[in-house]
C-alpha atoms as a PDB file:
ATOM      1  CA  MET A   1     118.121 -67.915   4.593  1.00  0.00           C
ATOM      2  CA  THR A   2     118.724 -66.797   0.824  1.00  0.00           C
ATOM      3  CA  SER A   3     117.206 -69.193  -1.613  1.00  0.00           C
ATOM      4  CA  GLY A   4     116.598 -69.105  -5.421  1.00  0.00           C
ATOM      5  CA  PRO A   5     118.433 -66.690  -7.680  1.00  0.00           C
ATOM      6  CA  ALA A   6     119.431 -64.803  -4.725  1.00  0.00           C
ATOM      7  CA  ALA A   7     121.759 -67.862  -3.479  1.00  0.00           C
ATOM      8  CA  ALA A   8     122.964 -68.722  -7.151  1.00  0.00           C
ATOM      9  CA  PHE A   9     123.993 -64.796  -7.431  1.00  0.00           C
ATOM     10  CA  ASP A  10     125.681 -65.156  -3.741  1.00  0.00           C
ATOM     11  CA  ARG A  11     128.069 -68.423  -4.462  1.00  0.00           C
ATOM     12  CA  LEU A  12     129.144 -67.101  -7.724  1.00  0.00           C
ATOM     13  CA  TYR A  13     129.818 -64.240  -5.728  1.00  0.00           C
ATOM     14  CA  SER A  14     131.225 -65.562  -2.923  1.00  0.00           C
ATOM     15  CA  VAL A  15     133.600 -67.958  -5.017  1.00  0.00           C
ATOM     16  CA  HIS A  16     134.926 -65.978  -7.841  1.00  0.00           C
ATOM     17  CA  ALA A  17     134.775 -62.179  -5.946  1.00  0.00           C
ATOM     18  CA  VAL A  18     138.715 -62.258  -4.499  1.00  0.00           C
ATOM     19  CA  SER A  19     140.253 -63.847  -7.335  1.00  0.00           C
ATOM     20  CA  LEU A  20     138.490 -61.048 -10.086  1.00  0.00           C
ATOM     21  CA  VAL A  21     139.832 -58.198  -7.624  1.00  0.00           C
ATOM     22  CA  ARG A  22     143.530 -59.641  -8.276  1.00  0.00           C
ATOM     23  CA  GLN A  23     143.263 -60.357 -11.611  1.00  0.00           C
ATOM     24  CA  ALA A  24     141.902 -56.889 -12.014  1.00  0.00           C
ATOM     25  CA  PHE A  25     144.771 -55.382 -10.261  1.00  0.00           C
ATOM     26  CA  LEU A  26     147.271 -57.456 -12.520  1.00  0.00           C
ATOM     27  CA  LEU A  27     145.456 -55.566 -15.241  1.00  0.00           C
ATOM     28  CA  CYS A  28     145.085 -51.313 -14.092  1.00  0.00           C
ATOM     29  CA  GLY A  29     147.473 -51.848 -11.152  1.00  0.00           C
ATOM     30  CA  ARG A  30     145.390 -50.183  -8.507  1.00  0.00           C
ATOM     31  CA  ARG A  31     143.529 -51.978  -5.570  1.00  0.00           C
ATOM     32  CA  ARG A  32     140.779 -49.757  -5.198  1.00  0.00           C
ATOM     33  CA  GLN A  33     139.873 -49.352  -9.126  1.00  0.00           C
ATOM     34  CA  ALA A  34     140.492 -53.225  -9.184  1.00  0.00           C
ATOM     35  CA  GLU A  35     137.743 -53.286  -6.380  1.00  0.00           C
ATOM     36  CA  ARG A  36     135.113 -50.831  -7.968  1.00  0.00           C
ATOM     37  CA  ALA A  37     135.782 -53.039 -11.551  1.00  0.00           C
ATOM     38  CA  VAL A  38     134.526 -56.518  -9.388  1.00  0.00           C
ATOM     39  CA  ASP A  39     131.799 -54.939  -7.871  1.00  0.00           C
ATOM     40  CA  HIS A  40     130.632 -52.531 -11.255  1.00  0.00           C
ATOM     41  CA  ALA A  41     130.529 -56.356 -12.877  1.00  0.00           C
ATOM     42  CA  PHE A  42     128.583 -58.033 -10.194  1.00  0.00           C
ATOM     43  CA  HIS A  43     126.322 -55.275 -10.281  1.00  0.00           C
ATOM     44  CA  LEU A  44     125.711 -56.111 -13.914  1.00  0.00           C
ATOM     45  CA  ALA A  45     125.477 -59.780 -13.460  1.00  0.00           C
ATOM     46  CA  TRP A  46     122.793 -59.466 -10.798  1.00  0.00           C
ATOM     47  CA  GLN A  47     120.913 -56.762 -12.860  1.00  0.00           C
ATOM     48  CA  ARG A  48     121.207 -59.065 -15.847  1.00  0.00           C
ATOM     49  CA  TRP A  49     120.602 -62.570 -13.634  1.00  0.00           C
ATOM     50  CA  PRO A  50     118.441 -64.414 -15.588  1.00  0.00           C
ATOM     51  CA  GLU A  51     120.828 -64.073 -18.679  1.00  0.00           C
ATOM     52  CA  VAL A  52     124.223 -64.195 -16.561  1.00  0.00           C
ATOM     53  CA  ALA A  53     122.292 -67.756 -14.976  1.00  0.00           C
ATOM     54  CA  VAL A  54     121.900 -69.464 -17.836  1.00  0.00           C
ATOM     55  CA  ASP A  55     125.229 -68.460 -19.448  1.00  0.00           C
ATOM     56  CA  ARG A  56     127.367 -71.664 -20.193  1.00  0.00           C
ATOM     57  CA  ASP A  57     130.196 -69.957 -18.178  1.00  0.00           C
ATOM     58  CA  PRO A  58     128.614 -67.605 -15.076  1.00  0.00           C
ATOM     59  CA  ALA A  59     131.937 -66.642 -13.998  1.00  0.00           C
ATOM     60  CA  GLY A  60     133.726 -66.129 -17.586  1.00  0.00           C
ATOM     61  CA  TRP A  61     130.437 -63.786 -18.124  1.00  0.00           C
ATOM     62  CA  VAL A  62     131.348 -61.550 -14.598  1.00  0.00           C
ATOM     63  CA  ARG A  63     135.578 -61.901 -15.436  1.00  0.00           C
ATOM     64  CA  ALA A  64     134.936 -60.134 -18.613  1.00  0.00           C
ATOM     65  CA  ALA A  65     133.597 -57.730 -17.768  1.00  0.00           C
ATOM     66  CA  ALA A  66     135.306 -56.625 -14.521  1.00  0.00           C
ATOM     67  CA  HIS A  67     138.292 -57.074 -16.855  1.00  0.00           C
ATOM     68  CA  GLU A  68     137.067 -54.520 -19.550  1.00  0.00           C
ATOM     69  CA  ARG A  69     135.784 -52.346 -16.336  1.00  0.00           C
ATOM     70  CA  ALA A  70     139.674 -52.559 -15.128  1.00  0.00           C
ATOM     71  CA  LEU A  71     141.180 -51.483 -18.756  1.00  0.00           C
ATOM     72  CA  SER A  72     139.154 -48.410 -18.753  1.00  0.00           C
ATOM     73  CA  PRO A  73     141.250 -45.616 -19.588  1.00  0.00           C
ATOM     74  CA  TRP A  74     139.011 -43.083 -17.871  1.00  0.00           C
ATOM     75  CA  PRO A  75     140.047 -43.282 -14.357  1.00  0.00           C
ATOM     76  CA  LEU A  76     143.767 -42.116 -16.032  1.00  0.00           C
ATOM     77  CA  LEU A  77     142.677 -39.013 -16.586  1.00  0.00           C
ATOM     78  CA  ILE A  78     141.836 -38.672 -12.717  1.00  0.00           C
ATOM     79  CA  PRO A  79     145.264 -36.979 -11.707  1.00  0.00           C
ATOM     80  CA  ARG A  80     145.318 -38.695  -8.077  1.00  0.00           C
ATOM     81  CA  ARG A  81     144.440 -42.235  -9.270  1.00  0.00           C
ATOM     82  CA  ARG A  82     147.439 -42.372 -11.934  1.00  0.00           C
ATOM     83  CA  PRO A  83     150.647 -43.570  -9.849  1.00  0.00           C
ATOM     84  CA  PRO A  84     150.240 -47.468  -9.321  1.00  0.00           C
ATOM     85  CA  ASP A  85     149.659 -49.546  -5.812  1.00  0.00           C
ATOM     86  CA  LEU A  86     153.156 -50.277  -5.369  1.00  0.00           C
ATOM     87  CA  ARG A  87     153.272 -50.804  -1.877  1.00  0.00           C
ATOM     88  CA  THR A  88     151.683 -53.954  -1.964  1.00  0.00           C
ATOM     89  CA  VAL A  89     154.067 -55.963  -4.410  1.00  0.00           C
ATOM     90  CA  PRO A  90     157.093 -57.507  -3.163  1.00  0.00           C
ATOM     91  CA  PRO A  91     160.194 -55.670  -3.837  1.00  0.00           C
ATOM     92  CA  ASP A  92     161.396 -57.573  -6.387  1.00  0.00           C
ATOM     93  CA  ASP A  93     158.250 -57.628  -9.014  1.00  0.00           C
ATOM     94  CA  ARG A  94     157.970 -53.564  -9.240  1.00  0.00           C
ATOM     95  CA  ARG A  95     159.470 -53.196 -11.933  1.00  0.00           C
ATOM     96  CA  LEU A  96     157.640 -55.953 -13.542  1.00  0.00           C
ATOM     97  CA  LEU A  97     154.527 -54.624 -12.570  1.00  0.00           C
ATOM     98  CA  ALA A  98     155.609 -51.342 -14.245  1.00  0.00           C
ATOM     99  CA  SER A  99     156.402 -53.027 -17.425  1.00  0.00           C
ATOM    100  CA  LEU A 100     153.152 -54.577 -17.686  1.00  0.00           C
ATOM    101  CA  LEU A 101     151.268 -51.913 -17.089  1.00  0.00           C
ATOM    102  CA  ALA A 102     152.827 -50.328 -20.000  1.00  0.00           C
ATOM    103  CA  LEU A 103     151.997 -52.652 -22.204  1.00  0.00           C
ATOM    104  CA  PRO A 104     148.636 -52.200 -25.023  1.00  0.00           C
ATOM    105  CA  ARG A 105     145.381 -53.574 -23.082  1.00  0.00           C
ATOM    106  CA  GLY A 106     145.052 -56.023 -25.191  1.00  0.00           C
ATOM    107  CA  GLN A 107     148.386 -57.670 -25.019  1.00  0.00           C
ATOM    108  CA  ARG A 108     147.835 -56.971 -20.566  1.00  0.00           C
ATOM    109  CA  ARG A 109     144.397 -58.580 -21.155  1.00  0.00           C
ATOM    110  CA  CYS A 110     145.628 -61.478 -23.099  1.00  0.00           C
ATOM    111  CA  LEU A 111     148.639 -61.896 -21.274  1.00  0.00           C
ATOM    112  CA  VAL A 112     146.568 -62.105 -17.655  1.00  0.00           C
ATOM    113  CA  LEU A 113     144.089 -64.036 -19.242  1.00  0.00           C
ATOM    114  CA  HIS A 114     146.558 -66.501 -19.836  1.00  0.00           C
ATOM    115  CA  ASP A 115     149.446 -66.847 -17.582  1.00  0.00           C
ATOM    116  CA  ALA A 116     147.834 -65.694 -14.924  1.00  0.00           C
ATOM    117  CA  VAL A 117     144.083 -66.899 -14.890  1.00  0.00           C
ATOM    118  CA  GLY A 118     145.056 -69.654 -16.837  1.00  0.00           C
ATOM    119  CA  LEU A 119     143.087 -70.162 -19.861  1.00  0.00           C
ATOM    120  CA  ASP A 120     144.065 -71.820 -23.164  1.00  0.00           C
ATOM    121  CA  LEU A 121     144.227 -70.398 -26.319  1.00  0.00           C
ATOM    122  CA  PRO A 122     141.383 -70.250 -28.245  1.00  0.00           C
ATOM    123  CA  GLU A 123     139.124 -69.637 -24.771  1.00  0.00           C
ATOM    124  CA  THR A 124     141.797 -66.214 -24.807  1.00  0.00           C
ATOM    125  CA  ALA A 125     141.363 -65.309 -28.012  1.00  0.00           C
ATOM    126  CA  ALA A 126     137.543 -65.077 -27.388  1.00  0.00           C
ATOM    127  CA  GLU A 127     137.726 -63.204 -24.128  1.00  0.00           C
ATOM    128  CA  ALA A 128     139.719 -60.740 -25.380  1.00  0.00           C
ATOM    129  CA  GLU A 129     137.461 -60.816 -28.615  1.00  0.00           C
ATOM    130  CA  ALA A 130     140.006 -61.775 -30.873  1.00  0.00           C
ATOM    131  CA  THR A 131     141.088 -64.178 -33.220  1.00  0.00           C
ATOM    132  CA  THR A 132     143.300 -66.767 -31.957  1.00  0.00           C
ATOM    133  CA  ALA A 133     146.082 -65.999 -34.183  1.00  0.00           C
ATOM    134  CA  ALA A 134     145.604 -62.453 -32.714  1.00  0.00           C
ATOM    135  CA  ALA A 135     145.666 -63.283 -29.113  1.00  0.00           C
ATOM    136  CA  GLU A 136     148.917 -65.645 -29.999  1.00  0.00           C
ATOM    137  CA  SER A 137     150.739 -62.737 -31.203  1.00  0.00           C
ATOM    138  CA  ARG A 138     149.505 -60.065 -28.454  1.00  0.00           C
ATOM    139  CA  LEU A 139     150.886 -62.983 -26.052  1.00  0.00           C
ATOM    140  CA  ALA A 140     154.141 -63.453 -27.426  1.00  0.00           C
ATOM    141  CA  HIS A 141     154.641 -59.372 -27.926  1.00  0.00           C
ATOM    142  CA  ALA A 142     153.380 -58.959 -24.399  1.00  0.00           C
ATOM    143  CA  ARG A 143     156.272 -61.829 -23.161  1.00  0.00           C
ATOM    144  CA  LYS A 144     159.214 -60.361 -25.333  1.00  0.00           C
ATOM    145  CA  ALA A 145     158.269 -56.720 -23.868  1.00  0.00           C
ATOM    146  CA  LEU A 146     158.907 -58.181 -20.586  1.00  0.00           C
ATOM    147  CA  ALA A 147     161.352 -60.334 -20.677  1.00  0.00           C
ATOM    148  CA  ALA A 148     160.477 -61.775 -17.136  1.00  0.00           C
ATOM    149  CA  PRO A 149     161.738 -65.403 -16.273  1.00  0.00           C
ATOM    150  CA  ASP A 150     159.084 -67.448 -14.751  1.00  0.00           C
ATOM    151  CA  LEU A 151     156.393 -65.101 -15.848  1.00  0.00           C
ATOM    152  CA  ALA A 152     153.182 -66.558 -15.198  1.00  0.00           C
ATOM    153  CA  PRO A 153     154.173 -68.389 -12.012  1.00  0.00           C
ATOM    154  CA  ARG A 154     155.649 -64.321 -11.149  1.00  0.00           C
ATOM    155  CA  LEU A 155     152.101 -63.198 -12.471  1.00  0.00           C
ATOM    156  CA  ARG A 156     150.090 -65.480  -9.913  1.00  0.00           C
ATOM    157  CA  ALA A 157     152.042 -64.743  -6.944  1.00  0.00           C
ATOM    158  CA  MET A 158     151.658 -60.821  -7.514  1.00  0.00           C
ATOM    159  CA  ALA A 159     147.810 -61.112  -7.524  1.00  0.00           C
ATOM    160  CA  ALA A 160     147.817 -63.512  -4.327  1.00  0.00           C
ATOM    161  CA  THR A 161     149.644 -60.675  -2.515  1.00  0.00           C
ATOM    162  CA  GLN A 162     146.844 -58.443  -3.220  1.00  0.00           C
ATOM    163  CA  PRO A 163     144.584 -58.049   0.188  1.00  0.00           C
ATOM    164  CA  VAL A 164     141.426 -58.492  -0.173  1.00  0.00           C
ATOM    165  CA  THR A 165     138.339 -58.014   1.720  1.00  0.00           C
ATOM    166  CA  PRO A 166     135.309 -58.863   0.017  1.00  0.00           C
ATOM    167  CA  ARG A 167     131.774 -57.029   0.852  1.00  0.00           C
ATOM    168  CA  PRO A 168     128.642 -59.633   1.898  1.00  0.00           C
ATOM    169  CA  PRO A 169     126.944 -60.701  -1.475  1.00  0.00           C
ATOM    170  CA  LEU A 170     123.743 -58.897  -0.210  1.00  0.00           C
ATOM    171  CA  THR A 171     125.505 -55.564  -0.006  1.00  0.00           C
ATOM    172  CA  ILE A 172     126.264 -56.155  -3.774  1.00  0.00           C
ATOM    173  CA  ARG A 173     122.277 -56.525  -4.573  1.00  0.00           C
ATOM    174  CA  ALA A 174     121.613 -54.214  -2.940  1.00  0.00           C
ATOM    175  CA  ALA A 175     123.620 -51.926  -4.360  1.00  0.00           C
ATOM    176  CA  ALA A 176     122.746 -53.420  -7.739  1.00  0.00           C
ATOM    177  CA  GLU A 177     119.167 -52.510  -7.246  1.00  0.00           C
ATOM    178  CA  ARG A 178     119.417 -49.386  -5.914  1.00  0.00           C
ATOM    179  CA  ARG A 179     121.581 -48.008  -8.988  1.00  0.00           C
ATOM    180  CA  ALA A 180     118.451 -50.404 -11.609  1.00  0.00           C
ATOM    181  CA  HIS A 181     116.029 -48.034  -9.759  1.00  0.00           C
ATOM    182  CA  ALA A 182     118.157 -44.647 -10.148  1.00  0.00           C
ATOM    183  CA  TRP A 183     118.951 -45.689 -13.853  1.00  0.00           C
ATOM    184  CA  ALA A 184     115.385 -46.307 -14.382  1.00  0.00           C
ATOM    185  CA  LEU A 185     113.919 -43.486 -12.211  1.00  0.00           C
ATOM    186  CA  THR A 186     116.454 -41.203 -14.359  1.00  0.00           C
ATOM    187  CA  THR A 187     115.188 -42.738 -17.394  1.00  0.00           C
ATOM    188  CA  VAL A 188     111.841 -41.631 -17.325  1.00  0.00           C
ATOM    189  CA  THR A 189     112.690 -38.479 -15.774  1.00  0.00           C
ATOM    190  CA  LEU A 190     114.325 -37.815 -19.606  1.00  0.00           C
ATOM    191  CA  LEU A 191     111.312 -39.395 -21.391  1.00  0.00           C
ATOM    192  CA  LEU A 192     108.668 -36.946 -19.429  1.00  0.00           C
ATOM    193  CA  SER A 193     110.843 -34.152 -20.286  1.00  0.00           C
ATOM    194  CA  PHE A 194     111.449 -34.571 -23.634  1.00  0.00           C
ATOM    195  CA  ALA A 195     107.314 -35.003 -23.570  1.00  0.00           C
ATOM    196  CA  ALA A 196     107.153 -31.854 -22.526  1.00  0.00           C
ATOM    197  CA  LEU A 197     109.431 -29.947 -24.694  1.00  0.00           C
ATOM    198  CA  VAL A 198     107.866 -31.404 -27.754  1.00  0.00           C
ATOM    199  CA  ALA A 199     104.347 -30.844 -26.114  1.00  0.00           C
ATOM    200  CA  ALA A 200     105.414 -26.780 -25.870  1.00  0.00           C
ATOM    201  CA  MET A 201     106.957 -26.428 -29.257  1.00  0.00           C
ATOM    202  CA  SER A 202     103.407 -28.188 -30.710  1.00  0.00           C
ATOM    203  CA  VAL A 203     101.439 -25.376 -28.203  1.00  0.00           C
ATOM    204  CA  GLY A 204     103.856 -22.397 -29.638  1.00  0.00           C
END
């Protein structure tokens, strides 16, 4: 039976992974990208568990990392990932999703945090790394652009329709450890290569 830090991490993952994937979907419109964003966030959380475990809001720490990854523009550079996954969204909400994804990333993030996740304005501002006034302005612009009635419940309902099958937390921890080991090995290899190059130049 898992105990100690692993048990605490597994509880965090089990409670929040599904909802985080659904939130990330609202930010990027692609379920696979949303899943990868959440996996990435939990990989980071396990690699930095001593820091995350004592954070006043470990779930918020992971959410911020997942949302940041979901909003990253890099996946959009791969053409086959560009179209949003509209097949899992009710027909009446597909236009809303397209309009949401057309918003600037800062507006989209504030809207999802406030209206879909349910954070208050100061919490939304803090997580979006904005002032309260800036977050309020982003929310106002986003709502005006979408011009949708019952926006908050519609966003929450749209997220809830997304089918999510989370992987076992042990799988997430193992992947995080493999990545950390691979990164450490790459770093050591680069340092040794650089040292060898400097030595060769010195001899020459």
